[in-house]
């Protein structure tokens, strides 16, 4: 319980620091309508615009969701091909992203700014866009506080700072409410499977939003000793014998579901999570994208962990 409360306090502090930084930028530039922010690259890069952007390309699904959640979907002139939420974003022209990003394809859309993830893109792509006169903002939200920072950053870029404040506060309220209702003592463990056995097991370790949500809900991440998103072995999962298993795999409706596949794995029958049936398929997009729907994912996990509270 102490760890849960400490994490909640740290997230609150991170929000206050983020809001203070955003308020300073807004005050400094309000008279001219200019935007001056620091993005999430390492080190941070200063982004300056004469006015909030009205023509934006968002290459990462989470960033596109943030733009829309702020009420700025009309600024999107382009989206990465995996940006699919909300549904009406499908009417926005799609472009290749990640290693396949085509700079010329983006330039044809004449954006004022391109928002891309540090994890998915390359410095060469950033340089090519900026050399062509297009501003680039880098996001890098690995934790819940990082999601708050990304929301504040994008809010400033599209002139939606008030909406960004409200969105972040709403997420924080949801997390705080769930944390207050959670009765877990941090003893039972959760294994997050973000890549299945057939493709090589990957999980979420410390310094990830999944780990933070797990702690807020009163549980312990079975792989809290590994850093970030990490590849693990089947033997490690069996050795740690988690109380709960959460898979983020998507299901097409054909063949075994992700839960059925996990429950039927050879050698896994004696795991506590398997014997108790505590295996859960979370909504993949909500739980894996560092965006506003993490709050919805937390509610979903709370319902799985605490069915008696529903």
C-alpha atoms as a PDB file:
ATOM      1  CA  UNK A   1       0.000   0.000   0.000  1.00  0.00           C
ATOM      2  CA  UNK A   2       2.877   2.358   0.731  1.00  0.00           C
ATOM      3  CA  UNK A   3       4.278   1.860  -2.764  1.00  0.00           C
ATOM      4  CA  UNK A   4       0.867   2.565  -4.286  1.00  0.00           C
ATOM      5  CA  UNK A   5       0.454   5.826  -2.354  1.00  0.00           C
ATOM      6  CA  UNK A   6       4.026   6.912  -3.091  1.00  0.00           C
ATOM      7  CA  UNK A   7       3.522   6.361  -6.812  1.00  0.00           C
ATOM      8  CA  UNK A   8       0.282   8.345  -6.713  1.00  0.00           C
ATOM      9  CA  UNK A   9       2.123  11.206  -4.995  1.00  0.00           C
ATOM     10  CA  UNK A  10       4.934  11.145  -7.549  1.00  0.00           C
ATOM     11  CA  UNK A  11       2.488  11.236 -10.454  1.00  0.00           C
ATOM     12  CA  UNK A  12       0.730  14.202  -8.876  1.00  0.00           C
ATOM     13  CA  UNK A  13       4.042  16.016  -8.491  1.00  0.00           C
ATOM     14  CA  UNK A  14       4.927  15.289 -12.128  1.00  0.00           C
ATOM     15  CA  UNK A  15       1.624  16.790 -13.214  1.00  0.00           C
ATOM     16  CA  UNK A  16       2.142  19.945 -11.179  1.00  0.00           C
ATOM     17  CA  UNK A  17       5.614  20.442 -12.649  1.00  0.00           C
ATOM     18  CA  UNK A  18       4.255  19.885 -16.159  1.00  0.00           C
ATOM     19  CA  UNK A  19       1.412  22.342 -15.643  1.00  0.00           C
ATOM     20  CA  UNK A  20       3.809  24.944 -14.257  1.00  0.00           C
ATOM     21  CA  UNK A  21       6.083  24.658 -17.288  1.00  0.00           C
ATOM     22  CA  UNK A  22       3.138  24.896 -19.670  1.00  0.00           C
ATOM     23  CA  UNK A  23       1.725  27.914 -17.840  1.00  0.00           C
ATOM     24  CA  UNK A  24       5.051  29.725 -18.190  1.00  0.00           C
ATOM     25  CA  UNK A  25       5.159  29.087 -21.927  1.00  0.00           C
ATOM     26  CA  UNK A  26       1.586  30.273 -22.348  1.00  0.00           C
ATOM     27  CA  UNK A  27       2.240  33.461 -20.373  1.00  0.00           C
ATOM     28  CA  UNK A  28       5.451  34.274 -22.227  1.00  0.00           C
ATOM     29  CA  UNK A  29       3.902  33.892 -25.675  1.00  0.00           C
ATOM     30  CA  UNK A  30       0.260  34.873 -25.130  1.00  0.00           C
ATOM     31  CA  UNK A  31       0.703  38.438 -26.348  1.00  0.00           C
ATOM     32  CA  UNK A  32       2.069  37.386 -29.732  1.00  0.00           C
ATOM     33  CA  UNK A  33       0.165  34.113 -30.122  1.00  0.00           C
ATOM     34  CA  UNK A  34       3.501  32.350 -30.627  1.00  0.00           C
ATOM     35  CA  UNK A  35       4.244  28.867 -29.343  1.00  0.00           C
ATOM     36  CA  UNK A  36       7.543  27.919 -27.724  1.00  0.00           C
ATOM     37  CA  UNK A  37       7.847  24.475 -26.155  1.00  0.00           C
ATOM     38  CA  UNK A  38      10.472  21.839 -25.489  1.00  0.00           C
ATOM     39  CA  UNK A  39       9.733  18.408 -26.929  1.00  0.00           C
ATOM     40  CA  UNK A  40      10.482  15.008 -25.370  1.00  0.00           C
ATOM     41  CA  UNK A  41      13.640  14.125 -27.285  1.00  0.00           C
ATOM     42  CA  UNK A  42      16.811  13.477 -25.289  1.00  0.00           C
ATOM     43  CA  UNK A  43      17.967  16.169 -24.927  1.00  0.00           C
ATOM     44  CA  UNK A  44      14.779  18.154 -25.422  1.00  0.00           C
ATOM     45  CA  UNK A  45      14.529  20.262 -28.575  1.00  0.00           C
ATOM     46  CA  UNK A  46      12.962  23.711 -28.553  1.00  0.00           C
ATOM     47  CA  UNK A  47      10.032  24.003 -30.950  1.00  0.00           C
ATOM     48  CA  UNK A  48       8.861  27.474 -31.972  1.00  0.00           C
ATOM     49  CA  UNK A  49       5.793  28.345 -34.021  1.00  0.00           C
ATOM     50  CA  UNK A  50       4.475  31.783 -34.909  1.00  0.00           C
ATOM     51  CA  UNK A  51       1.003  30.551 -33.936  1.00  0.00           C
ATOM     52  CA  UNK A  52      -0.624  27.242 -32.920  1.00  0.00           C
ATOM     53  CA  UNK A  53      -0.436  24.723 -35.741  1.00  0.00           C
ATOM     54  CA  UNK A  54      -3.465  24.266 -37.988  1.00  0.00           C
ATOM     55  CA  UNK A  55      -1.896  21.630 -40.256  1.00  0.00           C
ATOM     56  CA  UNK A  56      -0.482  18.631 -38.382  1.00  0.00           C
ATOM     57  CA  UNK A  57       0.772  15.180 -39.324  1.00  0.00           C
ATOM     58  CA  UNK A  58       0.782  12.704 -36.415  1.00  0.00           C
ATOM     59  CA  UNK A  59       2.729   9.538 -37.182  1.00  0.00           C
ATOM     60  CA  UNK A  60       2.116   7.666 -33.923  1.00  0.00           C
ATOM     61  CA  UNK A  61      -1.264   6.242 -32.972  1.00  0.00           C
ATOM     62  CA  UNK A  62      -1.136   7.561 -29.406  1.00  0.00           C
ATOM     63  CA  UNK A  63      -0.244  11.073 -30.559  1.00  0.00           C
ATOM     64  CA  UNK A  64      -3.089  11.078 -33.080  1.00  0.00           C
ATOM     65  CA  UNK A  65      -5.450  10.003 -30.291  1.00  0.00           C
ATOM     66  CA  UNK A  66      -4.204  12.878 -28.148  1.00  0.00           C
ATOM     67  CA  UNK A  67      -4.784  15.408 -30.944  1.00  0.00           C
ATOM     68  CA  UNK A  68      -8.355  14.177 -31.321  1.00  0.00           C
ATOM     69  CA  UNK A  69      -9.020  13.980 -27.572  1.00  0.00           C
ATOM     70  CA  UNK A  70      -8.040  17.646 -27.324  1.00  0.00           C
ATOM     71  CA  UNK A  71     -10.674  18.568 -29.889  1.00  0.00           C
ATOM     72  CA  UNK A  72      -8.107  19.357 -32.577  1.00  0.00           C
ATOM     73  CA  UNK A  73      -8.861  16.618 -35.083  1.00  0.00           C
ATOM     74  CA  UNK A  74      -9.534  19.294 -37.693  1.00  0.00           C
ATOM     75  CA  UNK A  75      -5.815  20.141 -37.632  1.00  0.00           C
ATOM     76  CA  UNK A  76      -4.816  16.690 -38.881  1.00  0.00           C
ATOM     77  CA  UNK A  77      -3.832  16.705 -42.535  1.00  0.00           C
ATOM     78  CA  UNK A  78      -2.039  13.364 -42.256  1.00  0.00           C
ATOM     79  CA  UNK A  79      -1.702  10.348 -39.976  1.00  0.00           C
ATOM     80  CA  UNK A  80       0.518   7.311 -39.653  1.00  0.00           C
ATOM     81  CA  UNK A  81      -0.997   4.190 -41.199  1.00  0.00           C
ATOM     82  CA  UNK A  82      -1.616   2.642 -37.759  1.00  0.00           C
ATOM     83  CA  UNK A  83      -3.514   5.658 -36.424  1.00  0.00           C
ATOM     84  CA  UNK A  84      -7.059   4.258 -36.295  1.00  0.00           C
ATOM     85  CA  UNK A  85      -8.803   5.870 -33.321  1.00  0.00           C
ATOM     86  CA  UNK A  86     -11.269   7.491 -33.160  1.00  0.00           C
ATOM     87  CA  UNK A  87     -12.946   5.816 -36.110  1.00  0.00           C
ATOM     88  CA  UNK A  88     -13.553   9.012 -38.094  1.00  0.00           C
ATOM     89  CA  UNK A  89      -9.797   9.567 -38.305  1.00  0.00           C
ATOM     90  CA  UNK A  90      -9.895   7.111 -41.230  1.00  0.00           C
ATOM     91  CA  UNK A  91     -10.917  10.018 -43.461  1.00  0.00           C
ATOM     92  CA  UNK A  92      -7.519  11.663 -42.866  1.00  0.00           C
ATOM     93  CA  UNK A  93      -4.867  10.746 -45.474  1.00  0.00           C
ATOM     94  CA  UNK A  94      -2.507   8.072 -44.158  1.00  0.00           C
ATOM     95  CA  UNK A  95       1.252   7.947 -44.655  1.00  0.00           C
ATOM     96  CA  UNK A  96       3.913   5.362 -43.956  1.00  0.00           C
ATOM     97  CA  UNK A  97       5.614   5.644 -40.576  1.00  0.00           C
ATOM     98  CA  UNK A  98       8.465   4.096 -38.617  1.00  0.00           C
ATOM     99  CA  UNK A  99      11.356   2.837 -40.711  1.00  0.00           C
ATOM    100  CA  UNK A 100       9.152   3.110 -43.812  1.00  0.00           C
ATOM    101  CA  UNK A 101       8.445   6.816 -43.343  1.00  0.00           C
ATOM    102  CA  UNK A 102       8.468   8.586 -46.693  1.00  0.00           C
ATOM    103  CA  UNK A 103       9.454  12.218 -46.229  1.00  0.00           C
ATOM    104  CA  UNK A 104       8.278  13.240 -49.712  1.00  0.00           C
ATOM    105  CA  UNK A 105       4.864  11.742 -48.994  1.00  0.00           C
ATOM    106  CA  UNK A 106       4.575  13.850 -45.845  1.00  0.00           C
ATOM    107  CA  UNK A 107       5.778  17.040 -47.533  1.00  0.00           C
ATOM    108  CA  UNK A 108       2.986  16.769 -50.111  1.00  0.00           C
ATOM    109  CA  UNK A 109       0.511  17.325 -47.256  1.00  0.00           C
ATOM    110  CA  UNK A 110       2.196  20.664 -46.465  1.00  0.00           C
ATOM    111  CA  UNK A 111       2.094  20.314 -42.662  1.00  0.00           C
ATOM    112  CA  UNK A 112       3.352  23.015 -40.336  1.00  0.00           C
ATOM    113  CA  UNK A 113       4.486  20.384 -37.864  1.00  0.00           C
ATOM    114  CA  UNK A 114       5.004  16.619 -37.771  1.00  0.00           C
ATOM    115  CA  UNK A 115       4.602  14.827 -34.438  1.00  0.00           C
ATOM    116  CA  UNK A 116       6.538  11.587 -34.197  1.00  0.00           C
ATOM    117  CA  UNK A 117       7.713   9.178 -31.519  1.00  0.00           C
ATOM    118  CA  UNK A 118      11.391   8.971 -30.610  1.00  0.00           C
ATOM    119  CA  UNK A 119      11.063   5.189 -30.441  1.00  0.00           C
ATOM    120  CA  UNK A 120       9.603   4.756 -33.921  1.00  0.00           C
ATOM    121  CA  UNK A 121      11.475   7.267 -36.062  1.00  0.00           C
ATOM    122  CA  UNK A 122      15.080   8.081 -36.971  1.00  0.00           C
ATOM    123  CA  UNK A 123      17.184  11.212 -36.650  1.00  0.00           C
ATOM    124  CA  UNK A 124      17.678  11.122 -40.419  1.00  0.00           C
ATOM    125  CA  UNK A 125      13.927  11.440 -40.932  1.00  0.00           C
ATOM    126  CA  UNK A 126      13.764  14.348 -38.498  1.00  0.00           C
ATOM    127  CA  UNK A 127      16.653  16.097 -40.240  1.00  0.00           C
ATOM    128  CA  UNK A 128      15.105  15.582 -43.692  1.00  0.00           C
ATOM    129  CA  UNK A 129      11.794  17.115 -42.627  1.00  0.00           C
ATOM    130  CA  UNK A 130      13.392  20.060 -40.853  1.00  0.00           C
ATOM    131  CA  UNK A 131      15.741  20.704 -43.782  1.00  0.00           C
ATOM    132  CA  UNK A 132      12.610  20.935 -45.928  1.00  0.00           C
ATOM    133  CA  UNK A 133      11.215  23.619 -43.614  1.00  0.00           C
ATOM    134  CA  UNK A 134       8.798  21.500 -41.570  1.00  0.00           C
ATOM    135  CA  UNK A 135       8.880  21.618 -37.780  1.00  0.00           C
ATOM    136  CA  UNK A 136       9.153  18.288 -35.978  1.00  0.00           C
ATOM    137  CA  UNK A 137       8.101  17.550 -32.387  1.00  0.00           C
ATOM    138  CA  UNK A 138       9.297  14.350 -30.712  1.00  0.00           C
ATOM    139  CA  UNK A 139       7.227  12.489 -28.115  1.00  0.00           C
ATOM    140  CA  UNK A 140       8.589   9.771 -25.844  1.00  0.00           C
ATOM    141  CA  UNK A 141       5.908   8.706 -23.379  1.00  0.00           C
ATOM    142  CA  UNK A 142       7.023   5.543 -21.608  1.00  0.00           C
ATOM    143  CA  UNK A 143       5.388   6.260 -18.248  1.00  0.00           C
ATOM    144  CA  UNK A 144       2.105   7.769 -17.063  1.00  0.00           C
ATOM    145  CA  UNK A 145       3.816  11.077 -16.300  1.00  0.00           C
ATOM    146  CA  UNK A 146       5.299  10.897 -19.798  1.00  0.00           C
ATOM    147  CA  UNK A 147       1.771  10.614 -21.208  1.00  0.00           C
ATOM    148  CA  UNK A 148       0.815  13.731 -19.276  1.00  0.00           C
ATOM    149  CA  UNK A 149       3.837  15.519 -20.719  1.00  0.00           C
ATOM    150  CA  UNK A 150       2.934  14.424 -24.265  1.00  0.00           C
ATOM    151  CA  UNK A 151      -0.608  15.726 -23.802  1.00  0.00           C
ATOM    152  CA  UNK A 152       0.703  19.076 -22.556  1.00  0.00           C
ATOM    153  CA  UNK A 153       3.199  19.287 -25.431  1.00  0.00           C
ATOM    154  CA  UNK A 154       0.654  18.524 -28.127  1.00  0.00           C
ATOM    155  CA  UNK A 155      -1.901  20.788 -26.467  1.00  0.00           C
ATOM    156  CA  UNK A 156       0.513  23.707 -26.672  1.00  0.00           C
ATOM    157  CA  UNK A 157       1.368  22.948 -30.308  1.00  0.00           C
ATOM    158  CA  UNK A 158      -2.268  23.014 -31.455  1.00  0.00           C
ATOM    159  CA  UNK A 159      -3.451  25.813 -29.155  1.00  0.00           C
ATOM    160  CA  UNK A 160      -5.402  23.565 -26.786  1.00  0.00           C
ATOM    161  CA  UNK A 161      -3.597  24.138 -23.479  1.00  0.00           C
ATOM    162  CA  UNK A 162      -6.780  24.426 -21.421  1.00  0.00           C
ATOM    163  CA  UNK A 163      -8.133  21.230 -22.951  1.00  0.00           C
ATOM    164  CA  UNK A 164      -4.803  19.516 -22.237  1.00  0.00           C
ATOM    165  CA  UNK A 165      -5.000  20.558 -18.585  1.00  0.00           C
ATOM    166  CA  UNK A 166      -8.533  19.176 -18.299  1.00  0.00           C
ATOM    167  CA  UNK A 167      -7.612  15.897 -19.995  1.00  0.00           C
ATOM    168  CA  UNK A 168      -4.621  15.306 -17.745  1.00  0.00           C
ATOM    169  CA  UNK A 169      -6.608  16.150 -14.625  1.00  0.00           C
ATOM    170  CA  UNK A 170      -9.373  13.791 -15.738  1.00  0.00           C
ATOM    171  CA  UNK A 171      -6.882  10.951 -16.161  1.00  0.00           C
ATOM    172  CA  UNK A 172      -5.339  11.674 -12.791  1.00  0.00           C
ATOM    173  CA  UNK A 173      -8.744  11.670 -11.132  1.00  0.00           C
ATOM    174  CA  UNK A 174      -9.539   8.288 -12.666  1.00  0.00           C
ATOM    175  CA  UNK A 175      -6.240   6.802 -11.499  1.00  0.00           C
ATOM    176  CA  UNK A 176      -6.659   8.258  -8.015  1.00  0.00           C
ATOM    177  CA  UNK A 177     -10.220   6.939  -7.694  1.00  0.00           C
ATOM    178  CA  UNK A 178      -9.173   3.449  -8.771  1.00  0.00           C
ATOM    179  CA  UNK A 179      -6.204   3.522  -6.422  1.00  0.00           C
ATOM    180  CA  UNK A 180      -8.438   4.507  -3.506  1.00  0.00           C
ATOM    181  CA  UNK A 181     -10.821   1.629  -4.246  1.00  0.00           C
ATOM    182  CA  UNK A 182      -8.054  -0.949  -4.753  1.00  0.00           C
ATOM    183  CA  UNK A 183      -7.589  -3.277  -1.795  1.00  0.00           C
ATOM    184  CA  UNK A 184      -4.533  -5.172  -3.004  1.00  0.00           C
ATOM    185  CA  UNK A 185      -1.494  -5.113  -0.751  1.00  0.00           C
ATOM    186  CA  UNK A 186       1.132  -5.334  -3.486  1.00  0.00           C
ATOM    187  CA  UNK A 187       1.873  -8.987  -2.749  1.00  0.00           C
ATOM    188  CA  UNK A 188       0.135 -10.716  -5.655  1.00  0.00           C
ATOM    189  CA  UNK A 189       1.974 -10.544  -8.974  1.00  0.00           C
ATOM    190  CA  UNK A 190       0.925  -9.757 -12.528  1.00  0.00           C
ATOM    191  CA  UNK A 191       2.693 -10.839 -15.699  1.00  0.00           C
ATOM    192  CA  UNK A 192       2.020  -8.590 -18.680  1.00  0.00           C
ATOM    193  CA  UNK A 193       2.507 -10.434 -21.963  1.00  0.00           C
ATOM    194  CA  UNK A 194       2.918  -7.913 -24.773  1.00  0.00           C
ATOM    195  CA  UNK A 195       4.275 -10.439 -27.279  1.00  0.00           C
ATOM    196  CA  UNK A 196       3.129 -14.094 -27.312  1.00  0.00           C
ATOM    197  CA  UNK A 197       5.193 -17.233 -27.066  1.00  0.00           C
ATOM    198  CA  UNK A 198       5.180 -17.936 -30.809  1.00  0.00           C
ATOM    199  CA  UNK A 199       6.894 -14.597 -31.541  1.00  0.00           C
ATOM    200  CA  UNK A 200       9.160 -14.551 -28.481  1.00  0.00           C
ATOM    201  CA  UNK A 201       7.910 -13.373 -25.103  1.00  0.00           C
ATOM    202  CA  UNK A 202       8.114  -9.665 -24.270  1.00  0.00           C
ATOM    203  CA  UNK A 203       6.855  -7.938 -21.162  1.00  0.00           C
ATOM    204  CA  UNK A 204       6.572  -4.552 -19.484  1.00  0.00           C
ATOM    205  CA  UNK A 205       9.091  -3.930 -16.712  1.00  0.00           C
ATOM    206  CA  UNK A 206       9.705  -0.968 -14.458  1.00  0.00           C
ATOM    207  CA  UNK A 207       9.604   2.550 -15.928  1.00  0.00           C
ATOM    208  CA  UNK A 208       6.548   1.677 -18.037  1.00  0.00           C
ATOM    209  CA  UNK A 209       2.948   2.818 -17.706  1.00  0.00           C
ATOM    210  CA  UNK A 210       1.790  -0.803 -17.340  1.00  0.00           C
ATOM    211  CA  UNK A 211       4.025  -1.229 -14.303  1.00  0.00           C
ATOM    212  CA  UNK A 212       2.703   2.009 -12.780  1.00  0.00           C
ATOM    213  CA  UNK A 213      -0.936   1.071 -13.349  1.00  0.00           C
ATOM    214  CA  UNK A 214      -0.274  -2.345 -11.836  1.00  0.00           C
ATOM    215  CA  UNK A 215       1.133  -0.726  -8.691  1.00  0.00           C
ATOM    216  CA  UNK A 216      -1.697   1.807  -8.466  1.00  0.00           C
ATOM    217  CA  UNK A 217      -4.192  -1.053  -8.514  1.00  0.00           C
ATOM    218  CA  UNK A 218      -2.494  -2.745  -5.573  1.00  0.00           C
ATOM    219  CA  UNK A 219      -0.473  -5.432  -7.343  1.00  0.00           C
ATOM    220  CA  UNK A 220       3.179  -6.159  -8.097  1.00  0.00           C
ATOM    221  CA  UNK A 221       4.592  -6.476 -11.590  1.00  0.00           C
ATOM    222  CA  UNK A 222       6.137  -9.950 -11.855  1.00  0.00           C
ATOM    223  CA  UNK A 223       8.944  -8.391 -13.908  1.00  0.00           C
ATOM    224  CA  UNK A 224       9.442  -5.177 -11.974  1.00  0.00           C
ATOM    225  CA  UNK A 225      13.155  -5.962 -11.833  1.00  0.00           C
ATOM    226  CA  UNK A 226      13.651  -5.545 -15.586  1.00  0.00           C
ATOM    227  CA  UNK A 227      13.778  -2.109 -17.180  1.00  0.00           C
ATOM    228  CA  UNK A 228      11.336  -0.916 -19.809  1.00  0.00           C
ATOM    229  CA  UNK A 229       9.957  -3.197 -22.499  1.00  0.00           C
ATOM    230  CA  UNK A 230      12.040  -6.359 -22.372  1.00  0.00           C
ATOM    231  CA  UNK A 231      12.334  -9.776 -23.965  1.00  0.00           C
ATOM    232  CA  UNK A 232      12.101 -12.599 -21.445  1.00  0.00           C
ATOM    233  CA  UNK A 233      12.144 -16.385 -21.500  1.00  0.00           C
ATOM    234  CA  UNK A 234       9.389 -18.899 -20.925  1.00  0.00           C
ATOM    235  CA  UNK A 235      11.468 -20.322 -18.084  1.00  0.00           C
ATOM    236  CA  UNK A 236      11.443 -16.960 -16.309  1.00  0.00           C
ATOM    237  CA  UNK A 237       7.652 -16.792 -16.398  1.00  0.00           C
ATOM    238  CA  UNK A 238       7.350 -20.340 -15.055  1.00  0.00           C
ATOM    239  CA  UNK A 239       9.874 -19.612 -12.336  1.00  0.00           C
ATOM    240  CA  UNK A 240       8.055 -16.460 -11.177  1.00  0.00           C
ATOM    241  CA  UNK A 241       4.656 -18.190 -11.167  1.00  0.00           C
ATOM    242  CA  UNK A 242       2.455 -15.065 -11.473  1.00  0.00           C
ATOM    243  CA  UNK A 243      -0.935 -14.810  -9.772  1.00  0.00           C
ATOM    244  CA  UNK A 244      -2.399 -13.046 -12.810  1.00  0.00           C
ATOM    245  CA  UNK A 245      -1.570 -12.951 -16.515  1.00  0.00           C
ATOM    246  CA  UNK A 246      -2.634 -10.043 -18.720  1.00  0.00           C
ATOM    247  CA  UNK A 247      -2.184 -10.395 -22.473  1.00  0.00           C
ATOM    248  CA  UNK A 248      -2.417  -7.506 -24.907  1.00  0.00           C
ATOM    249  CA  UNK A 249      -2.676  -9.698 -27.985  1.00  0.00           C
ATOM    250  CA  UNK A 250      -5.465  -8.921 -30.448  1.00  0.00           C
ATOM    251  CA  UNK A 251      -7.951 -11.588 -31.545  1.00  0.00           C
ATOM    252  CA  UNK A 252      -9.441 -11.896 -35.027  1.00  0.00           C
ATOM    253  CA  UNK A 253     -12.180 -14.265 -33.911  1.00  0.00           C
ATOM    254  CA  UNK A 254     -10.669 -17.313 -35.599  1.00  0.00           C
ATOM    255  CA  UNK A 255      -8.920 -20.179 -33.822  1.00  0.00           C
ATOM    256  CA  UNK A 256      -7.892 -20.052 -30.183  1.00  0.00           C
ATOM    257  CA  UNK A 257      -8.290 -16.764 -28.387  1.00  0.00           C
ATOM    258  CA  UNK A 258      -5.156 -15.360 -26.705  1.00  0.00           C
ATOM    259  CA  UNK A 259      -6.507 -16.469 -23.317  1.00  0.00           C
ATOM    260  CA  UNK A 260      -7.258 -19.986 -24.565  1.00  0.00           C
ATOM    261  CA  UNK A 261      -3.781 -20.246 -26.086  1.00  0.00           C
ATOM    262  CA  UNK A 262      -2.114 -19.249 -22.817  1.00  0.00           C
ATOM    263  CA  UNK A 263      -4.315 -21.576 -20.758  1.00  0.00           C
ATOM    264  CA  UNK A 264      -3.382 -24.508 -23.036  1.00  0.00           C
ATOM    265  CA  UNK A 265       0.397 -23.971 -23.136  1.00  0.00           C
ATOM    266  CA  UNK A 266       2.446 -27.054 -22.405  1.00  0.00           C
ATOM    267  CA  UNK A 267       4.177 -26.782 -19.049  1.00  0.00           C
ATOM    268  CA  UNK A 268       2.110 -23.818 -17.853  1.00  0.00           C
ATOM    269  CA  UNK A 269      -0.678 -25.827 -16.191  1.00  0.00           C
ATOM    270  CA  UNK A 270       0.764 -25.498 -12.683  1.00  0.00           C
ATOM    271  CA  UNK A 271       1.024 -21.699 -12.745  1.00  0.00           C
ATOM    272  CA  UNK A 272      -1.193 -20.042 -10.158  1.00  0.00           C
ATOM    273  CA  UNK A 273      -2.771 -17.814 -12.803  1.00  0.00           C
ATOM    274  CA  UNK A 274      -3.655 -20.822 -14.957  1.00  0.00           C
ATOM    275  CA  UNK A 275      -5.050 -22.919 -12.103  1.00  0.00           C
ATOM    276  CA  UNK A 276      -7.286 -20.074 -10.927  1.00  0.00           C
ATOM    277  CA  UNK A 277      -8.271 -18.954 -14.429  1.00  0.00           C
ATOM    278  CA  UNK A 278      -6.854 -15.482 -13.792  1.00  0.00           C
ATOM    279  CA  UNK A 279      -5.798 -14.856 -17.390  1.00  0.00           C
ATOM    280  CA  UNK A 280      -7.169 -11.742 -19.048  1.00  0.00           C
ATOM    281  CA  UNK A 281      -7.145 -10.319 -22.549  1.00  0.00           C
ATOM    282  CA  UNK A 282      -6.950  -6.540 -22.201  1.00  0.00           C
ATOM    283  CA  UNK A 283      -7.947  -4.177 -24.965  1.00  0.00           C
ATOM    284  CA  UNK A 284      -4.656  -3.974 -26.819  1.00  0.00           C
ATOM    285  CA  UNK A 285      -4.859  -0.418 -28.101  1.00  0.00           C
ATOM    286  CA  UNK A 286      -6.016   1.060 -24.796  1.00  0.00           C
ATOM    287  CA  UNK A 287      -3.330  -0.599 -22.691  1.00  0.00           C
ATOM    288  CA  UNK A 288      -0.381  -0.423 -25.086  1.00  0.00           C
ATOM    289  CA  UNK A 289      -0.755   3.109 -26.464  1.00  0.00           C
ATOM    290  CA  UNK A 290       0.588   5.910 -24.242  1.00  0.00           C
ATOM    291  CA  UNK A 291      -2.471   8.092 -24.635  1.00  0.00           C
ATOM    292  CA  UNK A 292      -5.730   9.167 -22.992  1.00  0.00           C
ATOM    293  CA  UNK A 293      -7.286   5.691 -23.103  1.00  0.00           C
ATOM    294  CA  UNK A 294      -4.828   4.409 -20.497  1.00  0.00           C
ATOM    295  CA  UNK A 295      -7.427   5.560 -17.984  1.00  0.00           C
ATOM    296  CA  UNK A 296      -9.975   3.269 -19.653  1.00  0.00           C
ATOM    297  CA  UNK A 297      -7.449   0.425 -19.611  1.00  0.00           C
ATOM    298  CA  UNK A 298      -6.932   0.941 -15.877  1.00  0.00           C
ATOM    299  CA  UNK A 299     -10.696   0.684 -15.315  1.00  0.00           C
ATOM    300  CA  UNK A 300     -10.758  -2.520 -17.343  1.00  0.00           C
ATOM    301  CA  UNK A 301      -7.911  -4.017 -15.314  1.00  0.00           C
ATOM    302  CA  UNK A 302      -9.589  -2.987 -12.068  1.00  0.00           C
ATOM    303  CA  UNK A 303     -12.681  -4.948 -13.148  1.00  0.00           C
ATOM    304  CA  UNK A 304     -10.498  -8.004 -13.804  1.00  0.00           C
ATOM    305  CA  UNK A 305      -8.588  -7.787 -10.532  1.00  0.00           C
ATOM    306  CA  UNK A 306     -11.621  -6.910  -8.410  1.00  0.00           C
ATOM    307  CA  UNK A 307     -14.702  -8.577  -9.965  1.00  0.00           C
ATOM    308  CA  UNK A 308     -16.492  -8.393  -6.629  1.00  0.00           C
ATOM    309  CA  UNK A 309     -16.377  -4.594  -6.778  1.00  0.00           C
ATOM    310  CA  UNK A 310     -18.342  -4.405 -10.026  1.00  0.00           C
END
